[in-house]
Amino acid sequence: MLKQLVGHYRVLRLIGQGGMGSVYEAVHESIGQRVAIKTLNHEMTQDPELVRRFLNEARALSTLDHPGIVKAFDYGCLADGTVYIMMERLAGETLYARLRRMAGNLPVQETLHLTRQIADALCAAHQQGIVHRDVKPGNVMIVQDREAAGGERTKLLDFGLVKLLSGTGGTDGYTVLETRKGMLMGTPDYMSPEQCVGGAVDTKADVYSLGILLYRLLSGEVPFTSADPVATIDMHLRQAPRPLIERVASLPAGLDALVQVMLFKDPKLRPSMSQVSARLREIEEEGPGMTKASLVKDAELCAATTFFLMPRPGRGMPHFAQDCWRSARPRIGLMAALILALIMI
C-alpha cells in the first residue's frame, strides 16, 4: 500500500492493481487537484531494467504535450524505495470496456472518429522519436471533452514499453534501452511481425498495431489469434489477414484498402502514421459514399504498395507474401478498371 502522503498529495484510494504495479487516486492538500499515482510493485524494483523502463515512461509522458496522451506531472522514488509517476486523473472508460459494453464491435463512424484521434496522438509521439509498442484497447481511455468533436476524446495510456529511436535528437533524460536479442515486447494479438521476432522496431510497428485495432473495432475480432501465443505469433509472421470487407457487411470506400496496407508484413511497405491519420480523416469526412477522389486514392494506394513494391509469387517467397499477392491481385485489376472508367467519363 502506498504511504499516505506523496509530496503535497494525500492518497485517497486504490484505483487499480496489476502484475507490474498499482494506481492510486490522490488529492493535493491545498488546492484540491486530483491526480493518479502509478507505482511499480516493490518486487519489480529489484530489477534495474524494469525500473529504467518505468522511469522512461514518466520521462516520455513529460515531453509529450498532446491532448490525446495522458499527462505526467512528476515522478520519483520515495524513501522506502517505491518508484512512482504522478499523472492526470482520467474519468471515463477504456476502449476495451466500451467494446465489451457494445457486444464486441463499434459502429463505423465511431471507429473512424476514435482511431483517427489515436493516430493523431501516435503522430505526436513519433515526431518526438517515441514508439509506443503496445497499442491495444486496454491502453486507450475514452473521456468526455466538450472541446472535441462528438464530445469525446481518446487518451493514449501506458508508455511502459516505449522505445526511443536513436538519432532523433531527443534523448535528453532518457536511458536508451536496447531490446535483448529474441526478447519479445508487446501483446501477442497486437504485435507487429518485427516485434514477434524481437527485431528492430520503428514507428511502423505502431502502424501495424493500430491496423489490428481498427480490424478489431470493426469486425469484433482480431485477424490473428490463438489460445497458444506462439501460434498467434506464427500467424503474424506467415498469414495474410482475411480481408475486412469479407467480415463487415458495409464499409466506407477505402477503409478495407487502408487496413490491408497497415497490416503488410514488411514495415517499409506500410504507410506512415501521419498518412494513416490523414486518410482516416478523409474517409470519415467522405462518409459511406464512394467518390471519384476516394476511388483514385485507393487505386493509387493499392497500386503503389501492392503491385509495384510487393514481390511476385516465386521460389523462396514467404507463404504470407504469396497469400497477400493472391488476395490483392484481383483488387488491383478492379482498381485499374475503375481508374480507366473515371478517365473516360
Protein backbone atom coordinates (compact mmCIF):
# COMPACT_ATOMS: atom_id res chain seq x y z
CA MET A 1 0.00 0.00 0.00
CA LEU A 2 1.32 3.45 -0.93
CA LYS A 3 2.16 5.73 2.01
CA GLN A 4 -0.49 8.29 2.89
CA LEU A 5 1.43 11.34 1.61
CA VAL A 6 3.41 11.72 -1.63
CA GLY A 7 4.77 15.25 -1.50
CA HIS A 8 1.75 17.54 -1.07
CA TYR A 9 -0.66 14.87 -2.30
CA ARG A 10 -2.72 12.74 0.09
CA VAL A 11 -3.53 9.24 -1.14
CA LEU A 12 -7.28 8.58 -1.16
CA ARG A 13 -7.79 5.09 -2.51
CA LEU A 14 -6.52 2.29 -4.71
CA ILE A 15 -7.94 2.59 -8.25
CA GLY A 16 -6.45 -0.48 -9.87
CA GLN A 17 -3.80 -3.15 -9.46
CA GLY A 18 -1.92 -5.44 -11.84
CA GLY A 19 1.07 -7.71 -12.05
CA MET A 20 3.52 -4.83 -12.53
CA GLY A 21 2.11 -2.15 -10.27
CA SER A 22 -0.78 -0.22 -8.78
CA VAL A 23 -2.62 3.05 -9.43
CA TYR A 24 -3.94 5.28 -6.65
CA GLU A 25 -6.10 8.38 -6.56
CA ALA A 26 -4.64 11.29 -4.60
CA VAL A 27 -5.56 14.90 -3.91
CA HIS A 28 -3.40 18.00 -3.33
CA GLU A 29 -3.95 19.08 0.28
CA SER A 30 -4.03 22.82 -0.50
CA ILE A 31 -5.53 23.28 -3.97
CA GLY A 32 -7.66 20.13 -4.21
CA GLN A 33 -6.20 18.92 -7.52
CA ARG A 34 -6.84 15.22 -8.02
CA VAL A 35 -4.21 13.04 -9.68
CA ALA A 36 -3.45 9.39 -10.35
CA ILE A 37 -0.24 7.98 -8.90
CA LYS A 38 1.16 4.91 -10.65
CA THR A 39 3.65 2.80 -8.69
CA LEU A 40 5.86 -0.13 -9.56
CA ASN A 41 5.38 -3.17 -7.33
CA HIS A 42 8.13 -3.48 -4.72
CA GLU A 43 9.44 -6.81 -6.04
CA MET A 44 9.75 -5.26 -9.51
CA THR A 45 12.02 -2.52 -8.18
CA GLN A 46 14.70 -5.17 -7.64
CA ASP A 47 15.12 -5.39 -11.43
CA PRO A 48 17.09 -2.32 -12.64
CA GLU A 49 15.81 -2.70 -16.22
CA LEU A 50 12.16 -2.63 -15.10
CA VAL A 51 12.85 0.48 -13.03
CA ARG A 52 14.52 2.17 -16.01
CA ARG A 53 11.56 1.30 -18.22
CA PHE A 54 9.14 2.64 -15.63
CA LEU A 55 11.00 5.93 -15.35
CA ASN A 56 11.38 6.13 -19.13
CA GLU A 57 7.58 6.09 -19.32
CA ALA A 58 7.45 9.09 -16.99
CA ARG A 59 10.07 10.97 -19.00
CA ALA A 60 8.32 10.17 -22.26
CA LEU A 61 4.97 11.38 -20.96
CA SER A 62 6.51 14.56 -19.58
CA THR A 63 7.79 15.50 -23.05
CA LEU A 64 4.58 14.72 -24.94
CA ASP A 65 2.22 17.68 -24.82
CA HIS A 66 -0.80 16.39 -26.73
CA PRO A 67 -4.49 16.25 -25.69
CA GLY A 68 -4.65 12.62 -26.78
CA ILE A 69 -1.85 11.46 -24.46
CA VAL A 70 -2.17 11.17 -20.68
CA LYS A 71 -0.13 13.87 -18.93
CA ALA A 72 2.55 13.21 -16.32
CA PHE A 73 3.27 15.90 -13.72
CA ASP A 74 6.02 14.36 -11.63
CA TYR A 75 7.91 11.16 -10.96
CA GLY A 76 10.49 9.94 -8.48
CA CYS A 77 11.47 7.49 -5.78
CA LEU A 78 10.21 7.57 -2.19
CA ALA A 79 12.32 6.87 0.89
CA ASP A 80 11.03 3.29 1.09
CA GLY A 81 12.18 2.57 -2.48
CA THR A 82 8.77 2.99 -4.14
CA VAL A 83 9.06 4.49 -7.62
CA TYR A 84 6.07 6.43 -8.88
CA ILE A 85 4.63 8.52 -11.70
CA MET A 86 2.10 11.25 -10.94
CA MET A 87 -0.39 11.64 -13.79
CA GLU A 88 -3.64 13.38 -14.59
CA ARG A 89 -6.70 11.64 -13.16
CA LEU A 90 -8.92 10.48 -16.01
CA ALA A 91 -12.64 9.78 -15.72
CA GLY A 92 -14.03 7.59 -18.46
CA GLU A 93 -13.82 4.06 -19.79
CA THR A 94 -11.15 2.14 -21.63
CA LEU A 95 -11.72 1.22 -25.24
CA TYR A 96 -11.67 -2.41 -24.10
CA ALA A 97 -14.54 -1.71 -21.68
CA ARG A 98 -16.52 0.02 -24.40
CA LEU A 99 -16.06 -2.93 -26.74
CA ARG A 100 -17.42 -5.26 -24.08
CA ARG A 101 -20.35 -2.93 -23.47
CA MET A 102 -21.08 -2.73 -27.21
CA ALA A 103 -21.03 -6.53 -27.71
CA GLY A 104 -17.63 -6.67 -29.36
CA ASN A 105 -17.51 -4.06 -32.11
CA LEU A 106 -18.28 -0.40 -32.74
CA PRO A 107 -20.20 1.48 -35.46
CA VAL A 108 -18.05 2.51 -38.41
CA GLN A 109 -18.23 6.27 -37.86
CA GLU A 110 -17.42 5.94 -34.16
CA THR A 111 -14.48 3.69 -35.04
CA LEU A 112 -13.15 6.21 -37.57
CA HIS A 113 -13.50 9.05 -35.08
CA LEU A 114 -11.74 7.24 -32.24
CA THR A 115 -8.93 5.65 -34.27
CA ARG A 116 -8.15 8.91 -36.04
CA GLN A 117 -7.67 10.51 -32.62
CA ILE A 118 -5.38 7.66 -31.58
CA ALA A 119 -3.42 8.07 -34.82
CA ASP A 120 -3.03 11.80 -34.14
CA ALA A 121 -1.64 11.07 -30.67
CA LEU A 122 0.78 8.49 -32.07
CA CYS A 123 1.90 11.03 -34.70
CA ALA A 124 2.85 13.39 -31.87
CA ALA A 125 4.83 10.62 -30.17
CA HIS A 126 6.56 9.61 -33.40
CA GLN A 127 7.58 13.21 -34.07
CA GLN A 128 9.44 13.08 -30.75
CA GLY A 129 11.09 9.80 -31.73
CA ILE A 130 8.91 7.76 -29.38
CA VAL A 131 7.37 4.41 -30.38
CA HIS A 132 4.60 3.13 -28.10
CA ARG A 133 4.91 -0.62 -28.92
CA ASP A 134 1.74 -1.67 -27.06
CA VAL A 135 -1.25 -0.11 -28.86
CA LYS A 136 -4.35 -2.06 -27.82
CA PRO A 137 -7.89 -1.38 -26.48
CA GLY A 138 -6.82 -1.62 -22.85
CA ASN A 139 -4.29 1.17 -23.34
CA VAL A 140 -6.79 3.68 -24.69
CA MET A 141 -9.10 5.67 -22.40
CA ILE A 142 -12.21 7.46 -23.70
CA VAL A 143 -13.03 10.62 -21.75
CA GLN A 144 -15.59 13.40 -22.05
CA ASP A 145 -14.26 16.54 -23.73
CA ARG A 146 -16.61 19.33 -24.78
CA GLU A 147 -13.88 20.81 -26.99
CA ALA A 148 -13.54 17.62 -29.07
CA ALA A 149 -15.80 16.75 -31.99
CA GLY A 150 -18.55 14.45 -30.73
CA GLY A 151 -17.79 15.40 -27.12
CA GLU A 152 -15.32 12.54 -26.57
CA ARG A 153 -11.58 12.23 -26.75
CA THR A 154 -9.24 9.26 -26.63
CA LYS A 155 -6.25 9.29 -24.29
CA LEU A 156 -3.32 7.00 -25.03
CA LEU A 157 -2.05 5.30 -21.87
CA ASP A 158 0.78 3.08 -20.67
CA PHE A 159 4.05 4.01 -22.32
CA GLY A 160 5.78 1.30 -20.29
CA LEU A 161 7.17 -0.36 -23.43
CA VAL A 162 8.16 2.94 -25.02
CA LYS A 163 11.17 2.84 -27.33
CA LEU A 164 13.18 5.96 -28.08
CA LEU A 165 14.55 5.94 -31.60
CA SER A 166 18.23 6.74 -31.87
CA GLY A 167 19.26 9.76 -33.88
CA THR A 168 16.14 11.76 -33.07
CA GLY A 169 17.93 14.41 -31.10
CA GLY A 170 15.51 13.92 -28.22
CA THR A 171 17.44 11.62 -25.88
CA ASP A 172 17.89 14.09 -23.02
CA GLY A 173 16.81 12.48 -19.76
CA TYR A 174 16.23 9.04 -21.29
CA THR A 175 18.02 5.79 -20.78
CA VAL A 176 18.05 4.29 -24.26
CA LEU A 177 17.24 0.62 -23.74
CA GLU A 178 18.26 -1.91 -26.34
CA THR A 179 15.93 -4.90 -26.51
CA ARG A 180 17.85 -8.10 -25.92
CA LYS A 181 18.04 -10.31 -29.00
CA GLY A 182 14.97 -12.54 -29.16
CA MET A 183 13.16 -10.60 -26.41
CA LEU A 184 9.50 -10.03 -27.27
CA MET A 185 7.88 -6.74 -26.26
CA GLY A 186 4.13 -6.22 -26.63
CA THR A 187 0.80 -8.04 -26.57
CA PRO A 188 0.70 -11.05 -28.98
CA ASP A 189 -2.68 -10.25 -30.59
CA TYR A 190 -1.48 -6.73 -31.49
CA MET A 191 2.26 -7.23 -32.10
CA SER A 192 3.85 -6.42 -35.43
CA PRO A 193 5.85 -9.15 -37.20
CA GLU A 194 9.11 -7.39 -36.37
CA GLN A 195 8.15 -7.34 -32.67
CA CYS A 196 7.26 -11.03 -32.89
CA VAL A 197 10.84 -11.94 -33.77
CA GLY A 198 12.46 -9.46 -31.39
CA GLY A 199 13.83 -7.48 -34.33
CA ALA A 200 14.47 -3.80 -34.94
CA VAL A 201 11.33 -1.74 -34.29
CA ASP A 202 10.43 1.72 -35.55
CA THR A 203 7.24 3.78 -35.88
CA LYS A 204 5.80 1.34 -38.43
CA ALA A 205 5.24 -1.15 -35.58
CA ASP A 206 2.62 1.21 -34.14
CA VAL A 207 1.03 1.48 -37.61
CA TYR A 208 0.61 -2.31 -37.69
CA SER A 209 -0.83 -2.44 -34.15
CA LEU A 210 -3.29 0.34 -34.97
CA GLY A 211 -4.30 -1.64 -38.07
CA ILE A 212 -5.05 -4.63 -35.84
CA LEU A 213 -7.03 -2.36 -33.54
CA LEU A 214 -9.05 -0.96 -36.48
CA TYR A 215 -9.77 -4.51 -37.66
CA ARG A 216 -10.90 -5.47 -34.15
CA LEU A 217 -13.18 -2.47 -33.65
CA LEU A 218 -14.95 -3.00 -36.97
CA SER A 219 -15.20 -6.80 -37.16
CA GLY A 220 -15.34 -7.75 -33.48
CA GLU A 221 -12.25 -9.95 -33.86
CA VAL A 222 -8.52 -9.53 -34.28
CA PRO A 223 -7.27 -11.05 -37.56
CA PHE A 224 -4.79 -13.38 -35.86
CA THR A 225 -5.40 -15.11 -32.54
CA SER A 226 -4.98 -18.47 -30.86
CA ALA A 227 -5.06 -19.90 -27.36
CA ASP A 228 -1.35 -20.51 -27.90
CA PRO A 229 0.64 -17.23 -28.07
CA VAL A 230 3.31 -18.96 -30.18
CA ALA A 231 0.67 -19.87 -32.76
CA THR A 232 -0.57 -16.26 -32.77
CA ILE A 233 2.97 -15.04 -33.43
CA ASP A 234 3.33 -17.52 -36.28
CA MET A 235 0.14 -16.13 -37.85
CA HIS A 236 1.52 -12.58 -37.69
CA LEU A 237 4.64 -13.80 -39.47
CA ARG A 238 3.14 -16.07 -42.12
CA GLN A 239 -0.57 -15.50 -42.72
CA ALA A 240 -2.33 -12.78 -44.67
CA PRO A 241 -5.34 -11.31 -42.83
CA ARG A 242 -8.75 -12.17 -44.14
CA PRO A 243 -9.96 -9.03 -45.97
CA LEU A 244 -12.01 -6.86 -43.65
CA ILE A 245 -14.67 -6.38 -46.33
CA GLU A 246 -15.42 -10.13 -46.07
CA ARG A 247 -16.21 -9.80 -42.37
CA VAL A 248 -18.06 -6.47 -42.31
CA ALA A 249 -21.14 -6.05 -44.48
CA SER A 250 -20.74 -2.35 -45.22
CA LEU A 251 -17.59 -0.25 -45.13
CA PRO A 252 -16.79 3.25 -46.41
CA ALA A 253 -14.79 3.30 -49.62
CA GLY A 254 -11.10 2.97 -48.89
CA LEU A 255 -11.21 1.62 -45.36
CA ASP A 256 -10.53 -2.00 -46.30
CA ALA A 257 -7.59 -0.95 -48.50
CA LEU A 258 -6.16 1.19 -45.72
CA VAL A 259 -6.31 -1.62 -43.16
CA GLN A 260 -4.73 -4.03 -45.66
CA VAL A 261 -1.65 -1.84 -46.20
CA MET A 262 -1.33 -1.09 -42.48
CA LEU A 263 -1.05 -4.85 -41.96
CA PHE A 264 1.67 -5.51 -44.52
CA LYS A 265 4.34 -7.79 -43.04
CA ASP A 266 7.20 -5.65 -44.33
CA PRO A 267 7.26 -2.40 -42.31
CA LYS A 268 8.77 -0.49 -45.25
CA LEU A 269 5.57 -1.08 -47.23
CA ARG A 270 3.26 0.30 -44.55
CA PRO A 271 2.18 3.96 -44.62
CA SER A 272 3.45 6.41 -42.02
CA MET A 273 1.22 7.26 -39.07
CA SER A 274 0.66 10.75 -40.49
CA GLN A 275 -0.57 9.20 -43.76
CA VAL A 276 -2.88 6.90 -41.78
CA SER A 277 -4.27 9.83 -39.80
CA ALA A 278 -4.87 11.89 -42.94
CA ARG A 279 -6.60 9.00 -44.74
CA LEU A 280 -8.82 8.22 -41.74
CA ARG A 281 -9.89 11.85 -41.63
CA GLU A 282 -10.71 11.81 -45.36
CA ILE A 283 -12.73 8.60 -45.08
CA GLU A 284 -14.56 9.96 -42.03
CA GLU A 285 -15.44 13.18 -43.85
CA GLU A 286 -16.43 11.43 -47.10
CA GLY A 287 -18.91 9.23 -45.29
CA PRO A 288 -20.23 5.96 -46.75
CA GLY A 289 -20.37 7.18 -50.36
CA MET A 290 -17.77 6.20 -52.96
CA THR A 291 -16.48 9.35 -54.64
CA LYS A 292 -14.15 9.69 -57.62
CA ALA A 293 -11.47 11.11 -55.36
CA SER A 294 -11.65 8.17 -52.95
CA LEU A 295 -11.52 5.68 -55.82
CA VAL A 296 -8.40 7.27 -57.22
CA LYS A 297 -6.74 7.42 -53.78
CA ASP A 298 -7.46 3.75 -53.13
CA ALA A 299 -6.27 2.75 -56.59
CA GLU A 300 -3.04 4.64 -56.06
CA LEU A 301 -2.63 3.09 -52.61
CA CYS A 302 -3.11 -0.47 -53.87
CA ALA A 303 -1.02 0.01 -56.98
CA ALA A 304 1.86 1.80 -55.33
CA THR A 305 2.21 -0.53 -52.37
CA THR A 306 0.97 -3.91 -53.50
CA PHE A 307 1.57 -4.02 -57.26
CA PHE A 308 4.86 -2.23 -57.62
CA LEU A 309 6.54 -2.88 -54.27
CA MET A 310 5.36 -6.34 -53.32
CA PRO A 311 7.35 -9.20 -54.89
CA ARG A 312 5.55 -11.53 -57.26
CA PRO A 313 4.99 -15.15 -56.19
CA GLY A 314 8.06 -17.18 -56.85
CA ARG A 315 10.58 -19.59 -55.48
CA GLY A 316 11.69 -18.67 -51.98
CA MET A 317 8.91 -16.15 -51.48
CA PRO A 318 7.41 -16.38 -47.95
CA HIS A 319 3.99 -18.01 -47.73
CA PHE A 320 2.39 -14.90 -46.25
CA ALA A 321 3.64 -12.79 -49.19
CA GLN A 322 2.20 -15.26 -51.69
CA ASP A 323 -1.14 -15.12 -49.85
CA CYS A 324 -1.06 -11.30 -49.84
CA TRP A 325 -0.30 -11.17 -53.54
CA ARG A 326 -3.06 -13.62 -54.50
CA SER A 327 -5.52 -11.73 -52.30
CA ALA A 328 -4.56 -8.34 -53.71
CA ARG A 329 -4.22 -9.23 -57.42
CA PRO A 330 -7.99 -9.23 -58.23
CA ARG A 331 -8.40 -5.89 -56.46
CA ILE A 332 -5.56 -4.35 -58.44
CA GLY A 333 -7.37 -5.26 -61.63
CA LEU A 334 -10.59 -3.80 -60.27
CA MET A 335 -8.87 -0.57 -59.24
CA ALA A 336 -7.19 -0.27 -62.62
CA ALA A 337 -10.57 -0.69 -64.33
CA LEU A 338 -12.12 1.93 -62.06
CA ILE A 339 -9.36 4.42 -62.85
CA LEU A 340 -9.82 3.78 -66.55
CA ALA A 341 -13.59 4.30 -66.21
CA LEU A 342 -13.06 7.57 -64.37
CA ILE A 343 -10.69 8.83 -67.01
CA MET A 344 -13.18 8.03 -69.76
CA ILE A 345 -16.09 9.80 -68.03
